[in-house]
N, C-alpha and C. Protein backbone atom coordinates (compact mmCIF):
# COMPACT_ATOMS: atom_id res chain seq x y z
N MET A 1 121.54 62.85 53.10
CA MET A 1 122.53 62.47 52.10
C MET A 1 122.55 60.95 51.99
N GLY A 2 122.61 60.44 50.78
CA GLY A 2 122.59 59.01 50.56
C GLY A 2 123.97 58.37 50.60
N THR A 3 123.97 57.07 50.85
CA THR A 3 125.18 56.28 50.69
C THR A 3 125.11 55.70 49.28
N ARG A 4 125.77 56.36 48.37
CA ARG A 4 125.63 56.07 46.93
C ARG A 4 126.44 54.85 46.53
N SER A 5 125.85 54.09 45.61
CA SER A 5 126.54 52.89 45.13
C SER A 5 126.28 52.69 43.65
N ASN A 6 127.16 51.92 43.06
CA ASN A 6 126.95 51.40 41.72
C ASN A 6 126.77 49.90 41.85
N ILE A 7 125.89 49.36 41.03
CA ILE A 7 125.66 47.92 40.98
C ILE A 7 125.86 47.53 39.53
N ALA A 8 126.65 46.47 39.31
CA ALA A 8 127.09 46.16 37.95
C ALA A 8 127.16 44.66 37.71
N TYR A 9 127.23 44.31 36.43
CA TYR A 9 127.57 42.94 36.06
C TYR A 9 128.54 42.98 34.90
N GLN A 10 129.39 41.96 34.85
CA GLN A 10 130.37 41.86 33.77
C GLN A 10 129.89 40.83 32.76
N LYS A 11 129.89 41.22 31.50
CA LYS A 11 129.42 40.36 30.42
C LYS A 11 130.55 39.45 29.92
N GLU A 12 130.18 38.50 29.09
CA GLU A 12 131.15 37.55 28.54
C GLU A 12 132.24 38.25 27.73
N ASP A 13 131.91 39.37 27.08
CA ASP A 13 132.91 40.10 26.28
C ASP A 13 133.76 41.05 27.13
N GLU A 14 133.66 40.93 28.47
CA GLU A 14 134.41 41.71 29.46
C GLU A 14 133.85 43.12 29.67
N SER A 15 132.83 43.52 28.90
CA SER A 15 132.22 44.83 29.16
C SER A 15 131.45 44.77 30.48
N VAL A 16 131.20 45.95 31.05
CA VAL A 16 130.55 46.06 32.36
C VAL A 16 129.35 46.99 32.21
N VAL A 17 128.20 46.51 32.69
CA VAL A 17 126.97 47.29 32.67
C VAL A 17 126.72 47.75 34.11
N VAL A 18 126.46 49.06 34.28
CA VAL A 18 126.44 49.68 35.61
C VAL A 18 125.18 50.52 35.81
N MET A 19 124.53 50.32 36.96
CA MET A 19 123.41 51.18 37.37
C MET A 19 123.82 51.96 38.61
N TYR A 20 123.09 53.04 38.88
CA TYR A 20 123.32 53.88 40.04
C TYR A 20 122.21 53.68 41.06
N CYS A 21 122.58 53.58 42.33
CA CYS A 21 121.61 53.50 43.44
C CYS A 21 121.96 54.60 44.43
N HIS A 22 120.99 55.48 44.72
CA HIS A 22 121.28 56.68 45.49
C HIS A 22 121.38 56.45 47.01
N TYR A 23 120.47 55.68 47.57
CA TYR A 23 120.43 55.52 49.02
C TYR A 23 120.83 54.11 49.47
N ASP A 24 121.28 54.01 50.72
CA ASP A 24 121.46 52.73 51.41
C ASP A 24 122.48 51.80 50.75
N GLY A 25 123.54 52.34 50.19
CA GLY A 25 124.52 51.54 49.47
C GLY A 25 125.41 50.67 50.34
N TYR A 26 125.36 50.85 51.64
CA TYR A 26 126.25 50.14 52.56
C TYR A 26 125.93 48.63 52.59
N LEU A 27 126.87 47.86 53.13
CA LEU A 27 126.76 46.40 53.15
C LEU A 27 125.48 45.90 53.81
N ASP A 28 125.11 46.52 54.93
CA ASP A 28 123.98 46.01 55.70
C ASP A 28 122.64 46.19 55.00
N HIS A 29 122.58 47.03 53.98
CA HIS A 29 121.33 47.15 53.21
C HIS A 29 121.51 46.58 51.80
N ASN A 30 122.24 47.30 50.94
CA ASN A 30 122.36 46.81 49.56
C ASN A 30 123.03 45.45 49.49
N GLY A 31 124.05 45.24 50.30
CA GLY A 31 124.71 43.94 50.30
C GLY A 31 123.75 42.81 50.62
N ARG A 32 122.97 43.00 51.67
CA ARG A 32 121.97 41.99 52.05
C ARG A 32 120.90 41.81 50.98
N MET A 33 120.41 42.91 50.43
CA MET A 33 119.37 42.83 49.40
C MET A 33 119.88 42.05 48.19
N LEU A 34 121.11 42.32 47.78
CA LEU A 34 121.66 41.62 46.62
C LEU A 34 121.79 40.12 46.87
N LEU A 35 122.27 39.76 48.05
CA LEU A 35 122.42 38.34 48.36
C LEU A 35 121.08 37.63 48.54
N GLU A 36 120.11 38.32 49.09
CA GLU A 36 118.82 37.69 49.37
C GLU A 36 117.88 37.66 48.16
N TYR A 37 117.85 38.73 47.37
CA TYR A 37 116.84 38.84 46.32
C TYR A 37 117.38 38.85 44.89
N TYR A 38 118.68 39.08 44.71
CA TYR A 38 119.24 39.21 43.36
C TYR A 38 120.48 38.34 43.18
N ASN A 39 120.48 37.19 43.80
CA ASN A 39 121.68 36.35 43.87
C ASN A 39 121.73 35.29 42.78
N SER A 40 121.52 35.70 41.55
CA SER A 40 121.72 34.83 40.39
C SER A 40 122.06 35.74 39.22
N GLU A 41 122.64 35.18 38.20
CA GLU A 41 123.00 36.02 37.05
C GLU A 41 121.78 36.66 36.42
N ALA A 42 120.71 35.90 36.26
CA ALA A 42 119.50 36.45 35.65
C ALA A 42 118.92 37.59 36.48
N ARG A 43 118.88 37.43 37.78
CA ARG A 43 118.33 38.48 38.64
C ARG A 43 119.26 39.69 38.71
N ALA A 44 120.56 39.45 38.75
CA ALA A 44 121.52 40.55 38.78
C ALA A 44 121.40 41.38 37.50
N ARG A 45 121.33 40.71 36.37
CA ARG A 45 121.20 41.43 35.09
C ARG A 45 119.88 42.18 35.01
N ALA A 46 118.79 41.57 35.46
CA ALA A 46 117.49 42.24 35.42
C ALA A 46 117.52 43.51 36.28
N LEU A 47 118.13 43.42 37.45
CA LEU A 47 118.22 44.58 38.33
C LEU A 47 119.02 45.70 37.67
N VAL A 48 120.21 45.39 37.19
CA VAL A 48 121.08 46.41 36.60
C VAL A 48 120.45 46.97 35.33
N ASP A 49 119.90 46.11 34.50
CA ASP A 49 119.28 46.56 33.24
C ASP A 49 118.07 47.45 33.49
N ASN A 50 117.47 47.35 34.68
CA ASN A 50 116.34 48.19 35.05
C ASN A 50 116.75 49.65 35.21
N GLY A 51 118.02 49.90 35.51
CA GLY A 51 118.51 51.27 35.63
C GLY A 51 118.42 51.83 37.03
N TYR A 52 118.39 53.14 37.12
CA TYR A 52 118.45 53.90 38.37
C TYR A 52 117.52 53.34 39.44
N ALA A 53 118.02 53.34 40.68
CA ALA A 53 117.18 53.02 41.84
C ALA A 53 117.45 54.06 42.93
N SER A 54 116.38 54.55 43.52
CA SER A 54 116.57 55.42 44.69
C SER A 54 117.12 54.57 45.84
N SER A 55 116.53 53.37 46.01
CA SER A 55 116.97 52.42 47.03
C SER A 55 116.57 51.02 46.56
N LEU A 56 117.32 50.01 46.97
CA LEU A 56 116.96 48.64 46.60
C LEU A 56 115.79 48.14 47.43
N SER A 57 114.96 47.34 46.80
CA SER A 57 113.82 46.68 47.42
C SER A 57 113.79 45.24 46.93
N PRO A 58 112.97 44.39 47.52
CA PRO A 58 112.94 42.99 47.11
C PRO A 58 112.48 42.74 45.66
N THR A 59 111.70 43.66 45.10
CA THR A 59 111.22 43.45 43.72
C THR A 59 111.52 44.67 42.86
N LEU A 60 111.63 44.45 41.56
CA LEU A 60 111.82 45.56 40.63
C LEU A 60 110.60 46.48 40.63
N GLU A 61 109.42 45.92 40.84
CA GLU A 61 108.21 46.75 40.89
C GLU A 61 108.31 47.75 42.04
N ASP A 62 108.77 47.28 43.22
CA ASP A 62 108.93 48.18 44.36
C ASP A 62 110.00 49.24 44.08
N ILE A 63 111.09 48.84 43.44
CA ILE A 63 112.15 49.79 43.09
C ILE A 63 111.60 50.86 42.15
N ASN A 64 110.88 50.43 41.13
CA ASN A 64 110.37 51.38 40.14
C ASN A 64 109.32 52.32 40.72
N GLU A 65 108.58 51.85 41.68
CA GLU A 65 107.55 52.68 42.29
C GLU A 65 108.15 53.84 43.07
N GLY A 66 109.30 53.61 43.70
CA GLY A 66 109.88 54.64 44.56
C GLY A 66 111.04 55.40 43.96
N ARG A 67 111.36 55.18 42.69
CA ARG A 67 112.57 55.83 42.18
C ARG A 67 112.31 57.27 41.71
N ALA A 68 113.34 58.09 41.86
CA ALA A 68 113.23 59.51 41.55
C ALA A 68 113.38 59.80 40.06
N ASN A 69 114.07 58.93 39.33
CA ASN A 69 114.19 59.13 37.88
C ASN A 69 114.39 57.79 37.19
N LYS A 70 114.56 57.81 35.90
CA LYS A 70 114.63 56.57 35.11
C LYS A 70 115.91 56.48 34.29
N ASP A 71 117.02 56.90 34.86
CA ASP A 71 118.29 56.82 34.14
C ASP A 71 118.59 55.39 33.73
N GLU A 72 119.02 55.23 32.50
CA GLU A 72 119.41 53.92 31.98
C GLU A 72 120.78 53.53 32.52
N PRO A 73 121.07 52.22 32.59
CA PRO A 73 122.42 51.81 32.99
C PRO A 73 123.44 52.22 31.92
N LYS A 74 124.69 52.33 32.32
CA LYS A 74 125.78 52.67 31.40
C LYS A 74 126.62 51.44 31.15
N THR A 75 127.16 51.35 29.96
CA THR A 75 128.03 50.23 29.60
C THR A 75 129.45 50.74 29.36
N TYR A 76 130.42 50.03 29.93
CA TYR A 76 131.84 50.35 29.78
C TYR A 76 132.53 49.19 29.08
N ARG A 77 133.59 49.48 28.33
CA ARG A 77 134.30 48.45 27.56
C ARG A 77 134.88 47.34 28.42
N SER A 78 135.28 47.71 29.64
CA SER A 78 135.93 46.73 30.52
C SER A 78 135.80 47.21 31.96
N LEU A 79 136.12 46.34 32.89
CA LEU A 79 136.11 46.71 34.30
C LEU A 79 137.15 47.81 34.55
N GLY A 80 138.31 47.69 33.94
CA GLY A 80 139.34 48.71 34.09
C GLY A 80 138.88 50.07 33.59
N ASN A 81 138.19 50.07 32.46
CA ASN A 81 137.66 51.32 31.90
C ASN A 81 136.66 51.95 32.87
N TYR A 82 135.77 51.14 33.42
CA TYR A 82 134.80 51.65 34.40
C TYR A 82 135.52 52.20 35.63
N MET A 83 136.46 51.44 36.19
CA MET A 83 137.13 51.85 37.43
C MET A 83 137.92 53.14 37.23
N ARG A 84 138.45 53.37 36.04
CA ARG A 84 139.15 54.63 35.78
C ARG A 84 138.19 55.81 35.70
N ASN A 85 136.92 55.55 35.44
CA ASN A 85 135.94 56.61 35.27
C ASN A 85 135.05 56.85 36.47
N VAL A 86 135.00 55.93 37.42
CA VAL A 86 134.10 56.09 38.57
C VAL A 86 134.68 57.12 39.54
N ASP A 87 133.83 57.95 40.08
CA ASP A 87 134.23 59.01 41.01
C ASP A 87 134.35 58.43 42.42
N THR A 88 135.54 58.45 42.99
CA THR A 88 135.76 57.84 44.30
C THR A 88 135.06 58.59 45.43
N LEU A 89 134.77 59.86 45.26
CA LEU A 89 134.07 60.60 46.32
C LEU A 89 132.56 60.48 46.17
N PHE A 90 132.08 60.21 44.98
CA PHE A 90 130.64 60.17 44.73
C PHE A 90 130.06 58.77 44.94
N ILE A 91 130.79 57.74 44.54
CA ILE A 91 130.31 56.35 44.66
C ILE A 91 131.07 55.69 45.80
N GLU A 92 130.33 55.37 46.88
CA GLU A 92 130.97 54.85 48.07
C GLU A 92 131.14 53.33 48.05
N PHE A 93 130.20 52.62 47.42
CA PHE A 93 130.27 51.16 47.30
C PHE A 93 130.03 50.76 45.85
N ILE A 94 130.74 49.73 45.43
CA ILE A 94 130.53 49.15 44.10
C ILE A 94 130.26 47.66 44.28
N TYR A 95 129.14 47.21 43.76
CA TYR A 95 128.77 45.80 43.79
C TYR A 95 128.86 45.28 42.37
N LEU A 96 129.52 44.14 42.20
CA LEU A 96 129.77 43.58 40.87
C LEU A 96 129.40 42.11 40.83
N TRP A 97 128.51 41.74 39.89
CA TRP A 97 128.20 40.33 39.65
C TRP A 97 129.21 39.82 38.62
N ARG A 98 129.99 38.85 39.03
CA ARG A 98 131.03 38.28 38.17
C ARG A 98 131.38 36.90 38.72
N ASP A 99 131.70 35.97 37.85
CA ASP A 99 132.11 34.63 38.27
C ASP A 99 131.05 33.98 39.16
N ASP A 100 129.79 34.22 38.82
CA ASP A 100 128.64 33.58 39.49
C ASP A 100 128.48 33.96 40.96
N GLN A 101 128.93 35.17 41.33
CA GLN A 101 128.71 35.66 42.68
C GLN A 101 128.84 37.17 42.71
N TRP A 102 128.36 37.75 43.82
CA TRP A 102 128.51 39.19 44.05
C TRP A 102 129.86 39.48 44.68
N TRP A 103 130.47 40.57 44.22
CA TRP A 103 131.72 41.09 44.77
C TRP A 103 131.45 42.52 45.22
N VAL A 104 132.25 43.03 46.16
CA VAL A 104 132.07 44.39 46.63
C VAL A 104 133.43 45.08 46.79
N GLY A 105 133.44 46.35 46.45
CA GLY A 105 134.57 47.24 46.70
C GLY A 105 134.00 48.53 47.28
N TRP A 106 134.81 49.31 47.98
CA TRP A 106 134.31 50.54 48.59
C TRP A 106 135.37 51.61 48.54
N ASP A 107 134.95 52.83 48.80
CA ASP A 107 135.92 53.92 48.79
C ASP A 107 136.76 53.89 50.05
N SER A 108 137.98 54.31 49.90
CA SER A 108 138.91 54.38 51.01
C SER A 108 139.87 55.53 50.72
N SER A 109 140.78 55.78 51.64
CA SER A 109 141.73 56.87 51.43
C SER A 109 143.00 56.60 52.23
N VAL A 110 144.06 57.27 51.81
CA VAL A 110 145.33 57.23 52.53
C VAL A 110 145.83 58.67 52.66
N GLU A 111 146.51 58.91 53.76
CA GLU A 111 147.10 60.24 53.97
C GLU A 111 148.40 60.35 53.17
N THR A 112 148.67 61.55 52.68
CA THR A 112 149.89 61.82 51.95
C THR A 112 150.61 62.97 52.66
N PRO A 113 151.47 62.65 53.61
CA PRO A 113 152.05 63.69 54.46
C PRO A 113 152.86 64.73 53.70
N ASP A 114 153.43 64.40 52.54
CA ASP A 114 154.22 65.39 51.83
C ASP A 114 153.60 65.77 50.48
N GLY A 115 152.34 65.41 50.28
CA GLY A 115 151.68 65.74 49.02
C GLY A 115 150.92 67.05 49.10
N PHE A 116 150.65 67.62 47.94
CA PHE A 116 149.81 68.82 47.89
C PHE A 116 148.44 68.52 48.46
N ASN A 117 147.85 67.41 48.01
CA ASN A 117 146.61 66.92 48.60
C ASN A 117 146.98 66.03 49.77
N LYS A 118 146.44 66.30 50.92
CA LYS A 118 146.80 65.55 52.12
C LYS A 118 146.17 64.17 52.18
N ARG A 119 145.21 63.89 51.30
CA ARG A 119 144.54 62.59 51.29
C ARG A 119 144.25 62.21 49.85
N ILE A 120 144.49 60.94 49.54
CA ILE A 120 144.16 60.40 48.22
C ILE A 120 143.07 59.36 48.39
N TYR A 121 142.02 59.46 47.56
CA TYR A 121 140.88 58.56 47.64
C TYR A 121 140.96 57.54 46.52
N TYR A 122 140.48 56.32 46.81
CA TYR A 122 140.50 55.24 45.82
C TYR A 122 139.43 54.23 46.18
N HIS A 123 139.15 53.31 45.28
CA HIS A 123 138.26 52.18 45.58
C HIS A 123 139.12 50.95 45.84
N THR A 124 138.71 50.18 46.83
CA THR A 124 139.44 48.96 47.17
C THR A 124 139.28 47.93 46.05
N ASP A 125 140.10 46.91 46.10
CA ASP A 125 139.93 45.77 45.21
C ASP A 125 138.63 45.06 45.59
N PHE A 126 138.06 44.32 44.65
CA PHE A 126 136.81 43.62 44.93
C PHE A 126 137.05 42.38 45.79
N LYS A 127 136.13 42.18 46.73
CA LYS A 127 136.17 41.03 47.62
C LYS A 127 134.81 40.34 47.57
N PRO A 128 134.74 39.04 47.82
CA PRO A 128 133.44 38.36 47.80
C PRO A 128 132.47 38.99 48.80
N LEU A 129 131.30 39.38 48.33
CA LEU A 129 130.32 40.05 49.18
C LEU A 129 129.91 39.20 50.36
N LYS A 130 129.70 37.93 50.13
CA LYS A 130 129.25 37.05 51.22
C LYS A 130 130.24 37.07 52.38
N GLU A 131 131.53 37.02 52.08
CA GLU A 131 132.56 37.04 53.12
C GLU A 131 132.62 38.40 53.81
N GLU A 132 132.52 39.46 53.05
CA GLU A 132 132.59 40.80 53.64
C GLU A 132 131.39 41.08 54.53
N LEU A 133 130.23 40.58 54.14
CA LEU A 133 129.05 40.75 54.97
C LEU A 133 129.17 39.94 56.26
N ALA A 134 129.74 38.75 56.18
CA ALA A 134 129.99 37.95 57.39
C ALA A 134 130.96 38.68 58.32
N ASN A 135 131.99 39.30 57.77
CA ASN A 135 132.94 40.09 58.58
C ASN A 135 132.23 41.28 59.22
N TRP A 136 131.37 41.94 58.47
CA TRP A 136 130.61 43.08 59.00
C TRP A 136 129.73 42.64 60.16
N ASP A 137 129.04 41.51 59.99
CA ASP A 137 128.18 40.99 61.05
C ASP A 137 128.98 40.66 62.31
N ALA A 138 130.18 40.10 62.15
CA ALA A 138 131.02 39.75 63.30
C ALA A 138 131.47 41.01 64.03
N ASP A 139 131.73 42.09 63.28
CA ASP A 139 132.18 43.35 63.88
C ASP A 139 131.04 44.18 64.44
N ASN A 140 129.79 43.87 64.07
CA ASN A 140 128.63 44.67 64.47
C ASN A 140 127.51 43.77 64.98
N PRO A 141 127.73 43.09 66.10
CA PRO A 141 126.70 42.15 66.58
C PRO A 141 125.40 42.86 66.95
N ILE A 142 124.29 42.17 66.73
CA ILE A 142 122.96 42.69 67.02
C ILE A 142 122.43 41.98 68.28
N ASP A 143 121.89 42.77 69.20
CA ASP A 143 121.22 42.20 70.37
C ASP A 143 119.92 41.56 69.90
N LYS A 144 119.78 40.26 70.07
CA LYS A 144 118.62 39.51 69.55
C LYS A 144 117.31 39.93 70.21
N VAL A 145 117.36 40.52 71.39
CA VAL A 145 116.14 40.93 72.09
C VAL A 145 115.69 42.31 71.62
N THR A 146 116.60 43.29 71.63
CA THR A 146 116.23 44.66 71.31
C THR A 146 116.35 44.98 69.82
N GLY A 147 117.19 44.23 69.09
CA GLY A 147 117.42 44.54 67.69
C GLY A 147 118.44 45.65 67.49
N ASP A 148 119.00 46.16 68.58
CA ASP A 148 120.01 47.21 68.51
C ASP A 148 121.40 46.60 68.41
N PHE A 149 122.36 47.40 67.97
CA PHE A 149 123.74 46.94 67.98
C PHE A 149 124.17 46.71 69.42
N ALA A 150 124.84 45.60 69.64
CA ALA A 150 125.26 45.23 71.02
C ALA A 150 126.43 46.09 71.46
């Protein structure tokens, strides 16, 4: 089962263009790939405009070689319109290029002790990806000798 994500950019007219990525959507893979290989508006747009990715790779050629299908990106009128339509159980991470940087939000949930549904799922507010990845690294140190989590 994949860690599914959406990768998007917001245009000047406030519309949002969104692609789907099936595998490796978590911070330690997609987050790093976006910061290392797609960290400019031109590269972010080229990635999203390319459409569906099975998994992110350093180049669009590598992405296209390994992808399972060729779904085109979708365009939404606004970020709010997209967020009202995204499935919180299906899309675990959302990466958004806006204001000249990557932002990230993820699925979360809260318990509802007196509700019919005992848990409500939602996506968090967007936070700067660079900061969230630094927090992830601090919480998950790597042993420099073995390469395993310490």
